[in-house]
């Protein structure tokens, strides 16, 4: 009887440790290497998707990018979309995550370097 209680307690403590110790998700970027962890900004009101940005990004901008993209993406089944927020052009598209796909919007230059990054997840 005591070994059952001990095993159950150990299992519950292990599950709690896994849940509490989960870091913020890191998503693969447009380059070969994975990016740094991202910052949660809130939820897109139109779709209910979680909105994330790189730690240096602005959450106000990320939420505006997400809103603009989700409004324009409804007519573009999975195709890349170019959107403008203020004076900045963002390129947005669906990416394959592990295991679920996610939406990613980036700003960049012709050399493939990204400036800003916004990620939408379910």
Protein backbone atom coordinates (compact mmCIF):
# COMPACT_ATOMS: atom_id res chain seq x y z
CA UNK A 1 0.00 0.00 0.00
CA UNK A 2 2.78 2.39 0.93
CA UNK A 3 4.65 1.76 -2.35
CA UNK A 4 1.50 2.61 -4.36
CA UNK A 5 1.12 5.93 -2.50
CA UNK A 6 4.81 6.71 -2.91
CA UNK A 7 4.69 5.92 -6.63
CA UNK A 8 1.57 8.04 -7.14
CA UNK A 9 3.07 10.98 -5.26
CA UNK A 10 6.30 10.76 -7.26
CA UNK A 11 4.35 10.66 -10.53
CA UNK A 12 2.28 13.71 -9.59
CA UNK A 13 5.36 15.67 -8.53
CA UNK A 14 7.09 14.78 -11.79
CA UNK A 15 4.09 15.90 -13.84
CA UNK A 16 3.91 19.19 -11.92
CA UNK A 17 7.62 19.81 -12.49
CA UNK A 18 7.19 19.29 -16.23
CA UNK A 19 4.24 21.69 -16.41
CA UNK A 20 5.78 24.43 -14.28
CA UNK A 21 9.21 24.26 -15.90
CA UNK A 22 8.03 24.68 -19.50
CA UNK A 23 9.90 27.53 -21.23
CA UNK A 24 8.34 29.87 -23.78
CA UNK A 25 8.23 28.18 -27.18
CA UNK A 26 10.97 28.77 -29.70
CA UNK A 27 9.99 28.49 -33.34
CA UNK A 28 12.22 27.70 -36.28
CA UNK A 29 12.98 30.86 -38.22
CA UNK A 30 13.43 31.51 -41.88
CA UNK A 31 17.11 30.60 -41.52
CA UNK A 32 18.60 27.21 -40.81
CA UNK A 33 19.09 27.73 -37.08
CA UNK A 34 16.33 27.97 -34.51
CA UNK A 35 15.61 31.44 -33.16
CA UNK A 36 15.74 32.67 -29.60
CA UNK A 37 12.68 32.25 -27.39
CA UNK A 38 9.78 34.57 -28.10
CA UNK A 39 7.62 36.83 -25.92
CA UNK A 40 3.87 36.27 -25.59
CA UNK A 41 1.93 39.44 -26.52
CA UNK A 42 -1.69 38.38 -26.26
CA UNK A 43 -4.38 36.95 -28.49
CA UNK A 44 -5.53 38.08 -31.94
CA UNK A 45 -9.16 39.12 -31.35
CA UNK A 46 -10.43 37.97 -34.77
CA UNK A 47 -9.00 34.44 -34.69
CA UNK A 48 -8.11 33.67 -31.08
CA UNK A 49 -4.54 32.79 -32.12
CA UNK A 50 -1.73 33.46 -29.63
CA UNK A 51 0.61 36.25 -30.80
CA UNK A 52 4.34 36.09 -30.03
CA UNK A 53 7.28 38.34 -30.95
CA UNK A 54 11.04 38.15 -30.59
CA UNK A 55 12.08 39.53 -27.20
CA UNK A 56 13.25 42.81 -28.80
CA UNK A 57 9.97 43.24 -30.70
CA UNK A 58 7.08 45.50 -29.74
CA UNK A 59 3.91 43.73 -28.61
CA UNK A 60 1.76 46.61 -29.89
CA UNK A 61 3.28 46.16 -33.35
CA UNK A 62 3.01 42.36 -33.14
CA UNK A 63 -0.72 42.55 -32.34
CA UNK A 64 -1.28 45.01 -35.21
CA UNK A 65 0.65 42.76 -37.64
CA UNK A 66 -1.36 39.74 -36.49
CA UNK A 67 -4.66 41.57 -36.94
CA UNK A 68 -3.75 42.87 -40.40
CA UNK A 69 -2.48 39.47 -41.52
CA UNK A 70 -5.45 37.46 -40.28
CA UNK A 71 -7.84 39.87 -42.02
CA UNK A 72 -5.98 39.52 -45.34
CA UNK A 73 -5.17 35.80 -45.01
CA UNK A 74 -8.81 34.71 -45.07
CA UNK A 75 -8.79 35.09 -48.85
CA UNK A 76 -5.37 33.46 -49.45
CA UNK A 77 -5.43 29.77 -48.61
CA UNK A 78 -1.87 29.22 -47.34
CA UNK A 79 -0.11 31.43 -49.90
CA UNK A 80 2.53 33.92 -48.67
CA UNK A 81 1.11 37.39 -48.11
CA UNK A 82 2.76 40.81 -48.08
CA UNK A 83 1.08 43.23 -45.68
CA UNK A 84 1.87 46.79 -44.64
CA UNK A 85 1.74 48.02 -41.06
CA UNK A 86 2.73 51.65 -40.88
CA UNK A 87 5.72 52.13 -43.15
CA UNK A 88 6.88 48.51 -42.83
CA UNK A 89 6.16 45.63 -45.20
CA UNK A 90 5.80 42.21 -43.57
CA UNK A 91 5.88 38.88 -45.40
CA UNK A 92 3.60 36.33 -43.76
CA UNK A 93 2.99 32.64 -44.38
CA UNK A 94 2.25 29.32 -42.74
CA UNK A 95 5.24 27.30 -41.56
CA UNK A 96 5.39 23.67 -40.47
CA UNK A 97 5.99 23.42 -36.73
CA UNK A 98 6.60 20.36 -34.60
CA UNK A 99 3.94 18.98 -34.68
CA UNK A 100 1.49 21.79 -35.56
CA UNK A 101 1.87 24.47 -38.23
CA UNK A 102 2.07 28.12 -37.22
CA UNK A 103 1.87 31.50 -38.97
CA UNK A 104 4.97 33.68 -39.20
CA UNK A 105 5.40 37.28 -40.36
CA UNK A 106 8.87 38.77 -40.89
CA UNK A 107 10.40 41.97 -42.15
CA UNK A 108 13.70 41.74 -43.92
CA UNK A 109 16.05 42.82 -46.63
CA UNK A 110 17.09 41.32 -49.95
CA UNK A 111 19.96 39.49 -48.21
CA UNK A 112 17.51 37.29 -46.28
CA UNK A 113 18.20 38.90 -42.89
CA UNK A 114 15.06 39.45 -40.86
CA UNK A 115 14.36 42.53 -38.81
CA UNK A 116 11.08 41.93 -37.03
CA UNK A 117 9.28 38.67 -36.39
CA UNK A 118 5.74 37.85 -35.29
CA UNK A 119 4.45 34.31 -34.75
CA UNK A 120 0.79 33.20 -34.45
CA UNK A 121 -0.03 29.84 -32.88
CA UNK A 122 -3.15 27.96 -31.89
